[in-house]
């Protein structure tokens, strides 16, 4: 009987990757069997997900429209066009 001790890090990493891939494969087979067994349930779940994603995309586009509208507005005072939320304070004691 032959015993082997793996101290090589590469072989340990390869074993971990192989185990992860095997588990993912088994999960995919399980999901496939569930979809075949309960197609109506998964069709409703997929429809609900698309519905929620659609609302999310619409909300994002509305935000973009508001931002675009705000960017296209011209400032009321042309002197303050580039000084949004900035005030300039002058020292009255300073003389030229």
PDB file of N, CA and C in Angstrom:
ATOM      1  N   UNK A   1       0.851  -1.162   0.000  1.00  0.00           N
ATOM      2  CA  UNK A   1       0.000   0.000   0.000  1.00  0.00           C
ATOM      3  C   UNK A   1       0.900   1.230   0.000  1.00  0.00           C
ATOM      4  N   UNK A   2       0.553   2.165  -0.818  1.00  0.00           N
ATOM      5  CA  UNK A   2       1.388   3.350  -0.962  1.00  0.00           C
ATOM      6  C   UNK A   2       0.689   4.560  -0.347  1.00  0.00           C
ATOM      7  N   UNK A   3       1.356   5.240   0.563  1.00  0.00           N
ATOM      8  CA  UNK A   3       0.838   6.454   1.172  1.00  0.00           C
ATOM      9  C   UNK A   3       1.591   7.634   0.595  1.00  0.00           C
ATOM     10  N   UNK A   4       0.836   8.672   0.258  1.00  0.00           N
ATOM     11  CA  UNK A   4       1.512   9.863  -0.268  1.00  0.00           C
ATOM     12  C   UNK A   4       1.074  11.074   0.541  1.00  0.00           C
ATOM     13  N   UNK A   5       2.050  11.893   0.848  1.00  0.00           N
ATOM     14  CA  UNK A   5       1.782  13.121   1.588  1.00  0.00           C
ATOM     15  C   UNK A   5       1.985  14.279   0.632  1.00  0.00           C
ATOM     16  N   UNK A   6       0.936  15.065   0.406  1.00  0.00           N
ATOM     17  CA  UNK A   6       1.009  16.173  -0.551  1.00  0.00           C
ATOM     18  C   UNK A   6       1.373  17.455   0.177  1.00  0.00           C
ATOM     19  N   UNK A   7       2.584  17.856   0.019  1.00  0.00           N
ATOM     20  CA  UNK A   7       2.984  19.136   0.587  1.00  0.00           C
ATOM     21  C   UNK A   7       3.058  20.213  -0.483  1.00  0.00           C
ATOM     22  N   UNK A   8       2.811  19.819  -1.714  1.00  0.00           N
ATOM     23  CA  UNK A   8       2.876  20.765  -2.822  1.00  0.00           C
ATOM     24  C   UNK A   8       1.614  21.639  -2.818  1.00  0.00           C
ATOM     25  N   UNK A   9       1.778  22.950  -2.798  1.00  0.00           N
ATOM     26  CA  UNK A   9       0.645  23.873  -2.763  1.00  0.00           C
ATOM     27  C   UNK A   9      -0.181  23.799  -4.048  1.00  0.00           C
ATOM     28  N   UNK A  10       0.473  23.531  -5.160  1.00  0.00           N
ATOM     29  CA  UNK A  10      -0.239  23.448  -6.434  1.00  0.00           C
ATOM     30  C   UNK A  10      -1.218  22.278  -6.439  1.00  0.00           C
ATOM     31  N   UNK A  11      -0.810  21.140  -5.910  1.00  0.00           N
ATOM     32  CA  UNK A  11      -1.707  19.982  -5.888  1.00  0.00           C
ATOM     33  C   UNK A  11      -2.880  20.217  -4.939  1.00  0.00           C
ATOM     34  N   UNK A  12      -2.650  20.935  -3.830  1.00  0.00           N
ATOM     35  CA  UNK A  12      -3.747  21.264  -2.917  1.00  0.00           C
ATOM     36  C   UNK A  12      -4.735  22.217  -3.573  1.00  0.00           C
ATOM     37  N   UNK A  13      -4.214  23.213  -4.294  1.00  0.00           N
ATOM     38  CA  UNK A  13      -5.100  24.163  -4.972  1.00  0.00           C
ATOM     39  C   UNK A  13      -5.891  23.466  -6.069  1.00  0.00           C
ATOM     40  N   UNK A  14      -5.244  22.560  -6.802  1.00  0.00           N
ATOM     41  CA  UNK A  14      -5.930  21.834  -7.863  1.00  0.00           C
ATOM     42  C   UNK A  14      -7.036  20.957  -7.295  1.00  0.00           C
ATOM     43  N   UNK A  15      -6.774  20.331  -6.170  1.00  0.00           N
ATOM     44  CA  UNK A  15      -7.795  19.493  -5.536  1.00  0.00           C
ATOM     45  C   UNK A  15      -8.985  20.343  -5.091  1.00  0.00           C
ATOM     46  N   UNK A  16      -8.730  21.524  -4.551  1.00  0.00           N
ATOM     47  CA  UNK A  16      -9.814  22.415  -4.136  1.00  0.00           C
ATOM     48  C   UNK A  16     -10.634  22.913  -5.314  1.00  0.00           C
ATOM     49  N   UNK A  17      -9.962  23.254  -6.407  1.00  0.00           N
ATOM     50  CA  UNK A  17     -10.675  23.711  -7.604  1.00  0.00           C
ATOM     51  C   UNK A  17     -11.519  22.588  -8.174  1.00  0.00           C
ATOM     52  N   UNK A  18     -10.962  21.358  -8.220  1.00  0.00           N
ATOM     53  CA  UNK A  18     -11.714  20.219  -8.753  1.00  0.00           C
ATOM     54  C   UNK A  18     -12.951  19.947  -7.895  1.00  0.00           C
ATOM     55  N   UNK A  19     -12.823  20.061  -6.579  1.00  0.00           N
ATOM     56  CA  UNK A  19     -13.973  19.833  -5.702  1.00  0.00           C
ATOM     57  C   UNK A  19     -15.036  20.911  -5.916  1.00  0.00           C
ATOM     58  N   UNK A  20     -14.610  22.158  -6.081  1.00  0.00           N
ATOM     59  CA  UNK A  20     -15.565  23.246  -6.319  1.00  0.00           C
ATOM     60  C   UNK A  20     -16.306  23.059  -7.635  1.00  0.00           C
ATOM     61  N   UNK A  21     -15.580  22.678  -8.672  1.00  0.00           N
ATOM     62  CA  UNK A  21     -16.209  22.457  -9.980  1.00  0.00           C
ATOM     63  C   UNK A  21     -17.192  21.295  -9.909  1.00  0.00           C
ATOM     64  N   UNK A  22     -16.848  20.243  -9.189  1.00  0.00           N
ATOM     65  CA  UNK A  22     -17.755  19.106  -9.022  1.00  0.00           C
ATOM     66  C   UNK A  22     -19.039  19.522  -8.325  1.00  0.00           C
ATOM     67  N   UNK A  23     -18.920  20.324  -7.272  1.00  0.00           N
ATOM     68  CA  UNK A  23     -20.109  20.787  -6.537  1.00  0.00           C
ATOM     69  C   UNK A  23     -20.980  21.665  -7.428  1.00  0.00           C
ATOM     70  N   UNK A  24     -20.369  22.564  -8.198  1.00  0.00           N
ATOM     71  CA  UNK A  24     -21.145  23.419  -9.111  1.00  0.00           C
ATOM     72  C   UNK A  24     -21.863  22.571 -10.149  1.00  0.00           C
ATOM     73  N   UNK A  25     -21.190  21.547 -10.664  1.00  0.00           N
ATOM     74  CA  UNK A  25     -21.836  20.644 -11.626  1.00  0.00           C
ATOM     75  C   UNK A  25     -23.029  19.924 -11.031  1.00  0.00           C
ATOM     76  N   UNK A  26     -22.890  19.453  -9.801  1.00  0.00           N
ATOM     77  CA  UNK A  26     -24.006  18.766  -9.146  1.00  0.00           C
ATOM     78  C   UNK A  26     -25.176  19.725  -8.902  1.00  0.00           C
ATOM     79  N   UNK A  27     -24.871  20.968  -8.525  1.00  0.00           N
ATOM     80  CA  UNK A  27     -25.934  21.958  -8.337  1.00  0.00           C
ATOM     81  C   UNK A  27     -26.656  22.254  -9.646  1.00  0.00           C
ATOM     82  N   UNK A  28     -25.905  22.360 -10.738  1.00  0.00           N
ATOM     83  CA  UNK A  28     -26.536  22.616 -12.034  1.00  0.00           C
ATOM     84  C   UNK A  28     -27.450  21.462 -12.447  1.00  0.00           C
ATOM     85  N   UNK A  29     -27.013  20.235 -12.206  1.00  0.00           N
ATOM     86  CA  UNK A  29     -27.865  19.078 -12.511  1.00  0.00           C
ATOM     87  C   UNK A  29     -29.127  19.130 -11.647  1.00  0.00           C
ATOM     88  N   UNK A  30     -28.994  19.475 -10.370  1.00  0.00           N
ATOM     89  CA  UNK A  30     -30.156  19.575  -9.488  1.00  0.00           C
ATOM     90  C   UNK A  30     -31.135  20.645  -9.931  1.00  0.00           C
ATOM     91  N   UNK A  31     -30.615  21.822 -10.324  1.00  0.00           N
ATOM     92  CA  UNK A  31     -31.501  22.875 -10.820  1.00  0.00           C
ATOM     93  C   UNK A  31     -32.191  22.451 -12.110  1.00  0.00           C
ATOM     94  N   UNK A  32     -31.464  21.747 -12.965  1.00  0.00           N
ATOM     95  CA  UNK A  32     -32.075  21.257 -14.206  1.00  0.00           C
ATOM     96  C   UNK A  32     -33.227  20.304 -13.935  1.00  0.00           C
ATOM     97  N   UNK A  33     -33.044  19.407 -12.977  1.00  0.00           N
ATOM     98  CA  UNK A  33     -34.115  18.456 -12.613  1.00  0.00           C
ATOM     99  C   UNK A  33     -35.302  19.209 -12.025  1.00  0.00           C
ATOM    100  N   UNK A  34     -35.047  20.216 -11.193  1.00  0.00           N
ATOM    101  CA  UNK A  34     -36.147  20.998 -10.622  1.00  0.00           C
ATOM    102  C   UNK A  34     -36.918  21.754 -11.704  1.00  0.00           C
ATOM    103  N   UNK A  35     -36.205  22.298 -12.669  1.00  0.00           N
ATOM    104  CA  UNK A  35     -36.885  23.032 -13.744  1.00  0.00           C
ATOM    105  C   UNK A  35     -37.739  22.083 -14.576  1.00  0.00           C
ATOM    106  N   UNK A  36     -37.239  20.881 -14.816  1.00  0.00           N
ATOM    107  CA  UNK A  36     -38.034  19.901 -15.563  1.00  0.00           C
ATOM    108  C   UNK A  36     -39.254  19.477 -14.743  1.00  0.00           C
ATOM    109  N   UNK A  37     -39.108  19.316 -13.435  1.00  0.00           N
ATOM    110  CA  UNK A  37     -40.205  18.850 -12.583  1.00  0.00           C
ATOM    111  C   UNK A  37     -41.244  19.942 -12.324  1.00  0.00           C
ATOM    112  N   UNK A  38     -40.803  21.193 -12.171  1.00  0.00           N
ATOM    113  CA  UNK A  38     -41.723  22.279 -11.824  1.00  0.00           C
ATOM    114  C   UNK A  38     -41.554  23.459 -12.798  1.00  0.00           C
ATOM    115  N   UNK A  39     -41.922  23.309 -14.042  1.00  0.00           N
ATOM    116  CA  UNK A  39     -41.680  24.395 -15.003  1.00  0.00           C
ATOM    117  C   UNK A  39     -42.533  25.637 -14.743  1.00  0.00           C
ATOM    118  N   UNK A  40     -43.758  25.466 -14.233  1.00  0.00           N
ATOM    119  CA  UNK A  40     -44.620  26.627 -13.990  1.00  0.00           C
ATOM    120  C   UNK A  40     -44.047  27.521 -12.894  1.00  0.00           C
ATOM    121  N   UNK A  41     -43.528  26.905 -11.834  1.00  0.00           N
ATOM    122  CA  UNK A  41     -42.954  27.673 -10.733  1.00  0.00           C
ATOM    123  C   UNK A  41     -41.749  28.479 -11.203  1.00  0.00           C
ATOM    124  N   UNK A  42     -40.883  27.854 -11.974  1.00  0.00           N
ATOM    125  CA  UNK A  42     -39.695  28.558 -12.434  1.00  0.00           C
ATOM    126  C   UNK A  42     -40.030  29.601 -13.487  1.00  0.00           C
ATOM    127  N   UNK A  43     -41.091  29.381 -14.250  1.00  0.00           N
ATOM    128  CA  UNK A  43     -41.522  30.411 -15.199  1.00  0.00           C
ATOM    129  C   UNK A  43     -42.036  31.638 -14.444  1.00  0.00           C
ATOM    130  N   UNK A  44     -42.766  31.425 -13.362  1.00  0.00           N
ATOM    131  CA  UNK A  44     -43.234  32.546 -12.544  1.00  0.00           C
ATOM    132  C   UNK A  44     -42.066  33.274 -11.878  1.00  0.00           C
ATOM    133  N   UNK A  45     -41.094  32.527 -11.379  1.00  0.00           N
ATOM    134  CA  UNK A  45     -39.929  33.156 -10.759  1.00  0.00           C
ATOM    135  C   UNK A  45     -39.141  33.984 -11.779  1.00  0.00           C
ATOM    136  N   UNK A  46     -38.942  33.435 -12.963  1.00  0.00           N
ATOM    137  CA  UNK A  46     -38.214  34.169 -14.000  1.00  0.00           C
ATOM    138  C   UNK A  46     -38.994  35.416 -14.414  1.00  0.00           C
ATOM    139  N   UNK A  47     -40.306  35.291 -14.554  1.00  0.00           N
ATOM    140  CA  UNK A  47     -41.130  36.452 -14.889  1.00  0.00           C
ATOM    141  C   UNK A  47     -41.057  37.533 -13.826  1.00  0.00           C
ATOM    142  N   UNK A  48     -41.100  37.123 -12.563  1.00  0.00           N
ATOM    143  CA  UNK A  48     -40.992  38.090 -11.466  1.00  0.00           C
ATOM    144  C   UNK A  48     -39.648  38.794 -11.442  1.00  0.00           C
ATOM    145  N   UNK A  49     -38.593  38.050 -11.718  1.00  0.00           N
ATOM    146  CA  UNK A  49     -37.257  38.662 -11.750  1.00  0.00           C
ATOM    147  C   UNK A  49     -37.165  39.680 -12.876  1.00  0.00           C
ATOM    148  N   UNK A  50     -37.654  39.320 -14.060  1.00  0.00           N
ATOM    149  CA  UNK A  50     -37.638  40.276 -15.178  1.00  0.00           C
ATOM    150  C   UNK A  50     -38.492  41.502 -14.879  1.00  0.00           C
ATOM    151  N   UNK A  51     -39.605  41.299 -14.197  1.00  0.00           N
ATOM    152  CA  UNK A  51     -40.488  42.400 -13.820  1.00  0.00           C
ATOM    153  C   UNK A  51     -39.766  43.383 -12.900  1.00  0.00           C
ATOM    154  N   UNK A  52     -39.097  42.855 -11.871  1.00  0.00           N
ATOM    155  CA  UNK A  52     -38.363  43.711 -10.936  1.00  0.00           C
ATOM    156  C   UNK A  52     -37.184  44.407 -11.608  1.00  0.00           C
ATOM    157  N   UNK A  53     -36.480  43.700 -12.460  1.00  0.00           N
ATOM    158  CA  UNK A  53     -35.356  44.311 -13.173  1.00  0.00           C
ATOM    159  C   UNK A  53     -35.865  45.413 -14.098  1.00  0.00           C
ATOM    160  N   UNK A  54     -37.019  45.213 -14.718  1.00  0.00           N
ATOM    161  CA  UNK A  54     -37.607  46.239 -15.581  1.00  0.00           C
ATOM    162  C   UNK A  54     -37.914  47.513 -14.812  1.00  0.00           C
ATOM    163  N   UNK A  55     -38.504  47.371 -13.613  1.00  0.00           N
ATOM    164  CA  UNK A  55     -38.769  48.560 -12.793  1.00  0.00           C
ATOM    165  C   UNK A  55     -37.482  49.259 -12.376  1.00  0.00           C
ATOM    166  N   UNK A  56     -36.475  48.478 -12.077  1.00  0.00           N
ATOM    167  CA  UNK A  56     -35.186  49.055 -11.689  1.00  0.00           C
ATOM    168  C   UNK A  56     -34.578  49.857 -12.846  1.00  0.00           C
ATOM    169  N   UNK A  57     -34.641  49.322 -14.041  1.00  0.00           N
ATOM    170  CA  UNK A  57     -34.084  50.012 -15.209  1.00  0.00           C
ATOM    171  C   UNK A  57     -34.873  51.288 -15.505  1.00  0.00           C
ATOM    172  N   UNK A  58     -36.193  51.237 -15.372  1.00  0.00           N
ATOM    173  CA  UNK A  58     -37.015  52.426 -15.593  1.00  0.00           C
ATOM    174  C   UNK A  58     -36.677  53.505 -14.556  1.00  0.00           C
ATOM    175  N   UNK A  59     -36.517  53.115 -13.301  1.00  0.00           N
ATOM    176  CA  UNK A  59     -36.140  54.078 -12.268  1.00  0.00           C
ATOM    177  C   UNK A  59     -34.794  54.717 -12.548  1.00  0.00           C
ATOM    178  N   UNK A  60     -33.842  53.936 -13.012  1.00  0.00           N
ATOM    179  CA  UNK A  60     -32.526  54.466 -13.342  1.00  0.00           C
ATOM    180  C   UNK A  60     -32.607  55.447 -14.511  1.00  0.00           C
ATOM    181  N   UNK A  61     -33.429  55.120 -15.512  1.00  0.00           N
ATOM    182  CA  UNK A  61     -33.552  56.028 -16.663  1.00  0.00           C
ATOM    183  C   UNK A  61     -34.224  57.335 -16.259  1.00  0.00           C
ATOM    184  N   UNK A  62     -35.188  57.274 -15.343  1.00  0.00           N
ATOM    185  CA  UNK A  62     -35.834  58.506 -14.864  1.00  0.00           C
ATOM    186  C   UNK A  62     -34.818  59.378 -14.131  1.00  0.00           C
ATOM    187  N   UNK A  63     -33.960  58.751 -13.307  1.00  0.00           N
ATOM    188  CA  UNK A  63     -32.898  59.513 -12.639  1.00  0.00           C
ATOM    189  C   UNK A  63     -31.986  60.191 -13.649  1.00  0.00           C
ATOM    190  N   UNK A  64     -31.633  59.467 -14.709  1.00  0.00           N
ATOM    191  CA  UNK A  64     -30.771  60.054 -15.740  1.00  0.00           C
ATOM    192  C   UNK A  64     -31.448  61.226 -16.445  1.00  0.00           C
ATOM    193  N   UNK A  65     -32.753  61.114 -16.709  1.00  0.00           N
ATOM    194  CA  UNK A  65     -33.474  62.227 -17.341  1.00  0.00           C
ATOM    195  C   UNK A  65     -33.469  63.464 -16.444  1.00  0.00           C
ATOM    196  N   UNK A  66     -33.676  63.278 -15.126  1.00  0.00           N
ATOM    197  CA  UNK A  66     -33.643  64.413 -14.212  1.00  0.00           C
ATOM    198  C   UNK A  66     -32.262  65.046 -14.142  1.00  0.00           C
ATOM    199  N   UNK A  67     -31.228  64.221 -14.123  1.00  0.00           N
ATOM    200  CA  UNK A  67     -29.868  64.749 -14.095  1.00  0.00           C
ATOM    201  C   UNK A  67     -29.572  65.515 -15.376  1.00  0.00           C
ATOM    202  N   UNK A  68     -29.993  64.972 -16.512  1.00  0.00           N
ATOM    203  CA  UNK A  68     -29.779  65.648 -17.795  1.00  0.00           C
ATOM    204  C   UNK A  68     -30.514  66.983 -17.835  1.00  0.00           C
ATOM    205  N   UNK A  69     -31.734  67.017 -17.322  1.00  0.00           N
ATOM    206  CA  UNK A  69     -32.499  68.263 -17.296  1.00  0.00           C
ATOM    207  C   UNK A  69     -31.817  69.295 -16.405  1.00  0.00           C
ATOM    208  N   UNK A  70     -31.290  68.857 -15.254  1.00  0.00           N
ATOM    209  CA  UNK A  70     -30.603  69.768 -14.347  1.00  0.00           C
ATOM    210  C   UNK A  70     -29.312  70.294 -14.972  1.00  0.00           C
ATOM    211  N   UNK A  71     -28.624  69.465 -15.724  1.00  0.00           N
ATOM    212  CA  UNK A  71     -27.380  69.895 -16.364  1.00  0.00           C
ATOM    213  C   UNK A  71     -27.636  70.889 -17.491  1.00  0.00           C
ATOM    214  N   UNK A  72     -28.778  70.798 -18.150  1.00  0.00           N
ATOM    215  CA  UNK A  72     -29.071  71.676 -19.276  1.00  0.00           C
ATOM    216  C   UNK A  72     -29.633  73.018 -18.848  1.00  0.00           C
ATOM    217  N   UNK A  73     -30.035  73.165 -17.587  1.00  0.00           N
ATOM    218  CA  UNK A  73     -30.563  74.445 -17.114  1.00  0.00           C
ATOM    219  C   UNK A  73     -29.432  75.457 -17.014  1.00  0.00           C
ATOM    220  N   UNK A  74     -29.733  76.681 -17.443  1.00  0.00           N
ATOM    221  CA  UNK A  74     -28.750  77.746 -17.350  1.00  0.00           C
ATOM    222  C   UNK A  74     -28.897  78.432 -15.999  1.00  0.00           C
ATOM    223  N   UNK A  75     -27.799  78.879 -15.416  1.00  0.00           N
ATOM    224  CA  UNK A  75     -27.905  79.586 -14.136  1.00  0.00           C
ATOM    225  C   UNK A  75     -28.583  80.933 -14.318  1.00  0.00           C
ATOM    226  N   UNK A  76     -29.212  81.419 -13.257  1.00  0.00           N
ATOM    227  CA  UNK A  76     -29.957  82.672 -13.325  1.00  0.00           C
ATOM    228  C   UNK A  76     -29.031  83.873 -13.424  1.00  0.00           C
ATOM    229  N   UNK A  77     -27.950  83.886 -12.672  1.00  0.00           N
ATOM    230  CA  UNK A  77     -27.020  85.002 -12.660  1.00  0.00           C
ATOM    231  C   UNK A  77     -25.742  84.569 -13.376  1.00  0.00           C
ATOM    232  N   UNK A  78     -25.386  85.211 -14.485  1.00  0.00           N
ATOM    233  CA  UNK A  78     -24.198  84.771 -15.232  1.00  0.00           C
ATOM    234  C   UNK A  78     -22.901  84.943 -14.451  1.00  0.00           C
ATOM    235  N   UNK A  79     -22.849  85.863 -13.464  1.00  0.00           N
ATOM    236  CA  UNK A  79     -21.635  86.024 -12.670  1.00  0.00           C
ATOM    237  C   UNK A  79     -21.402  84.833 -11.743  1.00  0.00           C
ATOM    238  N   UNK A  80     -22.476  84.188 -11.325  1.00  0.00           N
ATOM    239  CA  UNK A  80     -22.360  83.047 -10.423  1.00  0.00           C
ATOM    240  C   UNK A  80     -22.448  81.711 -11.168  1.00  0.00           C
ATOM    241  N   UNK A  81     -22.193  81.719 -12.465  1.00  0.00           N
ATOM    242  CA  UNK A  81     -22.345  80.505 -13.256  1.00  0.00           C
ATOM    243  C   UNK A  81     -21.399  79.402 -12.805  1.00  0.00           C
ATOM    244  N   UNK A  82     -20.171  79.759 -12.445  1.00  0.00           N
ATOM    245  CA  UNK A  82     -19.201  78.748 -12.062  1.00  0.00           C
ATOM    246  C   UNK A  82     -18.922  78.759 -10.567  1.00  0.00           C
ATOM    247  N   UNK A  83     -19.744  79.450  -9.793  1.00  0.00           N
ATOM    248  CA  UNK A  83     -19.557  79.519  -8.352  1.00  0.00           C
ATOM    249  C   UNK A  83     -20.779  78.973  -7.632  1.00  0.00           C
ATOM    250  N   UNK A  84     -21.163  77.817  -7.950  1.00  0.00           N
ATOM    251  CA  UNK A  84     -22.315  77.194  -7.312  1.00  0.00           C
ATOM    252  C   UNK A  84     -21.927  76.797  -5.886  1.00  0.00           C
ATOM    253  N   UNK A  85     -22.651  77.275  -4.898  1.00  0.00           N
ATOM    254  CA  UNK A  85     -22.417  77.023  -3.471  1.00  0.00           C
ATOM    255  C   UNK A  85     -21.065  77.549  -2.994  1.00  0.00           C
ATOM    256  N   UNK A  86     -20.566  78.609  -3.607  1.00  0.00           N
ATOM    257  CA  UNK A  86     -19.300  79.210  -3.194  1.00  0.00           C
ATOM    258  C   UNK A  86     -19.528  80.696  -2.968  1.00  0.00           C
ATOM    259  N   UNK A  87     -19.071  81.209  -1.834  1.00  0.00           N
ATOM    260  CA  UNK A  87     -19.148  82.640  -1.574  1.00  0.00           C
ATOM    261  C   UNK A  87     -17.730  83.165  -1.365  1.00  0.00           C
ATOM    262  N   UNK A  88     -17.476  84.358  -1.850  1.00  0.00           N
ATOM    263  CA  UNK A  88     -16.162  84.963  -1.741  1.00  0.00           C
ATOM    264  C   UNK A  88     -16.224  86.006  -0.639  1.00  0.00           C
ATOM    265  N   UNK A  89     -15.350  85.891   0.331  1.00  0.00           N
ATOM    266  CA  UNK A  89     -15.281  86.840   1.441  1.00  0.00           C
ATOM    267  C   UNK A  89     -14.056  87.716   1.245  1.00  0.00           C
ATOM    268  N   UNK A  90     -14.242  89.017   1.374  1.00  0.00           N
ATOM    269  CA  UNK A  90     -13.133  89.953   1.241  1.00  0.00           C
ATOM    270  C   UNK A  90     -12.793  90.512   2.608  1.00  0.00           C
ATOM    271  N   UNK A  91     -11.520  90.616   2.865  1.00  0.00           N
ATOM    272  CA  UNK A  91     -11.061  91.170   4.138  1.00  0.00           C
ATOM    273  C   UNK A  91     -11.088  92.696   4.025  1.00  0.00           C
ATOM    274  N   UNK A  92     -11.873  93.346   4.874  1.00  0.00           N
ATOM    275  CA  UNK A  92     -12.017  94.809   4.797  1.00  0.00           C
ATOM    276  C   UNK A  92     -10.782  95.524   5.326  1.00  0.00           C
ATOM    277  N   UNK A  93      -9.930  94.868   6.100  1.00  0.00           N
ATOM    278  CA  UNK A  93      -8.732  95.493   6.633  1.00  0.00           C
ATOM    279  C   UNK A  93      -7.586  95.497   5.634  1.00  0.00           C
ATOM    280  N   UNK A  94      -7.697  94.719   4.606  1.00  0.00           N
ATOM    281  CA  UNK A  94      -6.628  94.628   3.618  1.00  0.00           C
ATOM    282  C   UNK A  94      -6.774  95.740   2.583  1.00  0.00           C
ATOM    283  N   UNK A  95      -5.731  96.534   2.409  1.00  0.00           N
ATOM    284  CA  UNK A  95      -5.778  97.624   1.429  1.00  0.00           C
ATOM    285  C   UNK A  95      -4.623  97.451   0.471  1.00  0.00           C
ATOM    286  N   UNK A  96      -4.846  97.856  -0.764  1.00  0.00           N
ATOM    287  CA  UNK A  96      -3.797  97.761  -1.793  1.00  0.00           C
ATOM    288  C   UNK A  96      -2.834  98.882  -1.683  1.00  0.00           C
TER     289      UNK A  96
END
